[in-house]
């Protein structure tokens, strides 16, 4: 699923963070998404729709929990 976001996913953003890194790890999901910069460790919380616009691609997908899989 294109819009599925899971804890531990490593994503790439369209623009780089001021530290120079453009890779982030998802540390919280829900109505808001909390991500942590892989370069400097800064934590940012974004609205889900803003996050989906700023995300370029998923670099590393974590295992999907059995409860969330579509049968």
N, C-alpha and C. Protein backbone atom coordinates (compact mmCIF):
# COMPACT_ATOMS: atom_id res chain seq x y z
N UNK A 1 0.83 -1.17 0.00
CA UNK A 1 0.00 0.00 0.00
C UNK A 1 0.88 1.25 0.00
N UNK A 2 0.57 2.17 -0.85
CA UNK A 2 1.38 3.38 -1.03
C UNK A 2 1.39 4.28 0.20
N UNK A 3 0.25 4.40 0.89
CA UNK A 3 0.16 5.33 2.01
C UNK A 3 0.33 4.67 3.37
N UNK A 4 0.68 3.39 3.40
CA UNK A 4 0.90 2.71 4.67
C UNK A 4 2.24 3.12 5.26
N UNK A 5 2.22 3.44 6.53
CA UNK A 5 3.42 3.86 7.24
C UNK A 5 3.52 3.01 8.49
N UNK A 6 4.68 2.43 8.74
CA UNK A 6 4.87 1.56 9.89
C UNK A 6 6.05 2.05 10.73
N UNK A 7 6.01 1.73 12.02
CA UNK A 7 7.12 2.07 12.91
C UNK A 7 8.40 1.44 12.39
N UNK A 8 9.46 2.22 12.39
CA UNK A 8 10.75 1.71 11.96
C UNK A 8 11.05 1.88 10.48
N UNK A 9 10.06 2.30 9.67
CA UNK A 9 10.31 2.54 8.25
C UNK A 9 11.35 3.64 8.10
N UNK A 10 12.26 3.47 7.16
CA UNK A 10 13.24 4.51 6.83
C UNK A 10 12.78 5.14 5.53
N UNK A 11 12.58 6.47 5.57
CA UNK A 11 12.05 7.17 4.41
C UNK A 11 13.04 8.25 3.94
N UNK A 12 12.85 8.66 2.70
CA UNK A 12 13.64 9.76 2.13
C UNK A 12 12.67 10.90 1.85
N UNK A 13 13.07 12.12 2.22
CA UNK A 13 12.22 13.29 1.98
C UNK A 13 12.64 13.99 0.69
N UNK A 14 11.74 14.81 0.18
CA UNK A 14 12.02 15.54 -1.06
C UNK A 14 13.13 16.58 -0.88
N UNK A 15 13.14 17.23 0.28
CA UNK A 15 14.18 18.22 0.58
C UNK A 15 15.04 17.71 1.72
N UNK A 16 16.29 18.08 1.71
CA UNK A 16 17.20 17.66 2.78
C UNK A 16 16.98 18.52 4.03
N UNK A 17 17.24 17.94 5.18
CA UNK A 17 17.21 18.64 6.46
C UNK A 17 18.40 19.60 6.49
N UNK A 18 18.37 20.68 7.26
CA UNK A 18 19.51 21.61 7.30
C UNK A 18 20.84 20.95 7.65
N UNK A 19 20.81 19.79 8.33
CA UNK A 19 22.06 19.09 8.64
C UNK A 19 22.63 18.40 7.41
N UNK A 20 21.85 18.29 6.33
CA UNK A 20 22.32 17.69 5.09
C UNK A 20 21.75 16.31 4.81
N UNK A 21 21.16 15.68 5.80
CA UNK A 21 20.59 14.34 5.63
C UNK A 21 19.17 14.43 5.09
N UNK A 22 18.79 13.46 4.25
CA UNK A 22 17.41 13.41 3.77
C UNK A 22 16.76 12.07 4.13
N UNK A 23 17.37 11.32 5.06
CA UNK A 23 16.79 10.06 5.50
C UNK A 23 16.29 10.19 6.93
N UNK A 24 15.12 9.61 7.18
CA UNK A 24 14.44 9.70 8.46
C UNK A 24 13.88 8.34 8.82
N UNK A 25 13.72 8.07 10.12
CA UNK A 25 13.09 6.84 10.59
C UNK A 25 11.79 7.22 11.30
N UNK A 26 10.73 6.46 11.03
CA UNK A 26 9.42 6.71 11.63
C UNK A 26 9.43 6.14 13.04
N UNK A 27 9.13 7.00 14.04
CA UNK A 27 9.14 6.53 15.42
C UNK A 27 7.75 6.59 16.06
N UNK A 28 6.74 7.15 15.36
CA UNK A 28 5.37 7.17 15.87
C UNK A 28 4.43 7.34 14.70
N UNK A 29 3.32 6.60 14.72
CA UNK A 29 2.31 6.75 13.68
C UNK A 29 0.97 7.06 14.32
N UNK A 30 0.05 7.49 13.52
CA UNK A 30 -1.29 7.86 13.97
C UNK A 30 -1.78 9.01 13.11
N UNK A 31 -2.56 9.92 13.70
CA UNK A 31 -3.01 11.10 12.96
C UNK A 31 -1.82 11.98 12.62
N UNK A 32 -0.82 11.99 13.52
CA UNK A 32 0.44 12.69 13.28
C UNK A 32 1.54 11.64 13.15
N UNK A 33 2.57 11.97 12.39
CA UNK A 33 3.70 11.07 12.20
C UNK A 33 4.92 11.72 12.83
N UNK A 34 5.63 10.98 13.68
CA UNK A 34 6.86 11.49 14.29
C UNK A 34 8.03 10.79 13.62
N UNK A 35 8.99 11.60 13.13
CA UNK A 35 10.15 11.06 12.44
C UNK A 35 11.43 11.59 13.08
N UNK A 36 12.49 10.81 12.96
CA UNK A 36 13.78 11.18 13.55
C UNK A 36 14.83 11.23 12.44
N UNK A 37 15.56 12.34 12.35
CA UNK A 37 16.59 12.53 11.34
C UNK A 37 17.73 11.55 11.59
N UNK A 38 18.18 10.89 10.53
CA UNK A 38 19.28 9.94 10.64
C UNK A 38 20.63 10.65 10.71
N UNK A 39 20.66 11.93 10.36
CA UNK A 39 21.92 12.67 10.39
C UNK A 39 22.23 13.26 11.75
N UNK A 40 21.27 14.02 12.30
CA UNK A 40 21.54 14.75 13.54
C UNK A 40 20.70 14.29 14.73
N UNK A 41 19.68 13.47 14.49
CA UNK A 41 18.86 12.98 15.59
C UNK A 41 17.69 13.86 15.95
N UNK A 42 17.45 14.94 15.23
CA UNK A 42 16.32 15.83 15.49
C UNK A 42 15.02 15.08 15.28
N UNK A 43 14.05 15.29 16.16
CA UNK A 43 12.74 14.65 16.06
C UNK A 43 11.71 15.70 15.63
N UNK A 44 10.91 15.34 14.62
CA UNK A 44 9.91 16.25 14.06
C UNK A 44 8.58 15.52 14.01
N UNK A 45 7.49 16.21 14.36
CA UNK A 45 6.15 15.65 14.26
C UNK A 45 5.40 16.40 13.17
N UNK A 46 4.83 15.65 12.23
CA UNK A 46 4.11 16.22 11.11
C UNK A 46 2.71 15.63 11.03
N UNK A 47 1.77 16.42 10.54
CA UNK A 47 0.45 15.92 10.22
C UNK A 47 0.60 14.85 9.14
N UNK A 48 -0.23 13.82 9.16
CA UNK A 48 -0.11 12.70 8.22
C UNK A 48 -0.12 13.19 6.75
N UNK A 49 -1.01 14.11 6.41
CA UNK A 49 -1.09 14.58 5.02
C UNK A 49 0.16 15.36 4.63
N UNK A 50 0.70 16.17 5.53
CA UNK A 50 1.94 16.90 5.26
C UNK A 50 3.09 15.91 5.07
N UNK A 51 3.15 14.90 5.93
CA UNK A 51 4.18 13.88 5.83
C UNK A 51 4.13 13.17 4.47
N UNK A 52 2.94 12.80 4.03
CA UNK A 52 2.80 12.09 2.75
C UNK A 52 3.24 12.96 1.58
N UNK A 53 3.04 14.27 1.67
CA UNK A 53 3.50 15.17 0.60
C UNK A 53 5.01 15.32 0.60
N UNK A 54 5.62 15.34 1.78
CA UNK A 54 7.07 15.56 1.89
C UNK A 54 7.89 14.30 1.66
N UNK A 55 7.26 13.14 1.81
CA UNK A 55 7.97 11.88 1.62
C UNK A 55 8.23 11.64 0.14
N UNK A 56 9.46 11.25 -0.17
CA UNK A 56 9.82 10.94 -1.54
C UNK A 56 9.65 9.46 -1.80
N UNK A 57 10.26 8.62 -0.94
CA UNK A 57 10.10 7.18 -1.09
C UNK A 57 10.50 6.49 0.20
N UNK A 58 10.08 5.24 0.32
CA UNK A 58 10.44 4.41 1.47
C UNK A 58 11.72 3.66 1.09
N UNK A 59 12.78 3.89 1.85
CA UNK A 59 14.05 3.23 1.57
C UNK A 59 14.12 1.84 2.18
N UNK A 60 13.55 1.69 3.36
CA UNK A 60 13.61 0.42 4.07
C UNK A 60 12.28 0.19 4.77
N UNK A 61 11.60 -0.89 4.43
CA UNK A 61 10.30 -1.20 5.01
C UNK A 61 10.48 -2.21 6.13
N UNK A 62 9.84 -1.96 7.27
CA UNK A 62 9.88 -2.92 8.36
C UNK A 62 8.86 -4.01 8.09
N UNK A 63 8.95 -5.09 8.83
CA UNK A 63 7.99 -6.18 8.68
C UNK A 63 6.61 -5.70 9.11
N UNK A 64 5.61 -6.04 8.33
CA UNK A 64 4.23 -5.64 8.63
C UNK A 64 3.67 -6.61 9.66
N UNK A 65 3.16 -6.11 10.78
CA UNK A 65 2.57 -7.00 11.79
C UNK A 65 1.41 -7.82 11.22
N UNK A 66 1.24 -9.05 11.69
CA UNK A 66 0.18 -9.94 11.17
C UNK A 66 -1.20 -9.32 11.31
N UNK A 67 -1.44 -8.57 12.37
CA UNK A 67 -2.76 -7.98 12.59
C UNK A 67 -3.11 -6.93 11.54
N UNK A 68 -2.11 -6.36 10.88
CA UNK A 68 -2.36 -5.29 9.92
C UNK A 68 -2.32 -5.78 8.47
N UNK A 69 -2.02 -7.04 8.25
CA UNK A 69 -1.97 -7.56 6.88
C UNK A 69 -3.36 -7.76 6.32
N UNK A 70 -3.48 -7.52 5.02
CA UNK A 70 -4.76 -7.76 4.36
C UNK A 70 -4.80 -9.21 3.92
N UNK A 71 -5.89 -9.85 4.14
CA UNK A 71 -6.04 -11.27 3.79
C UNK A 71 -6.63 -11.39 2.40
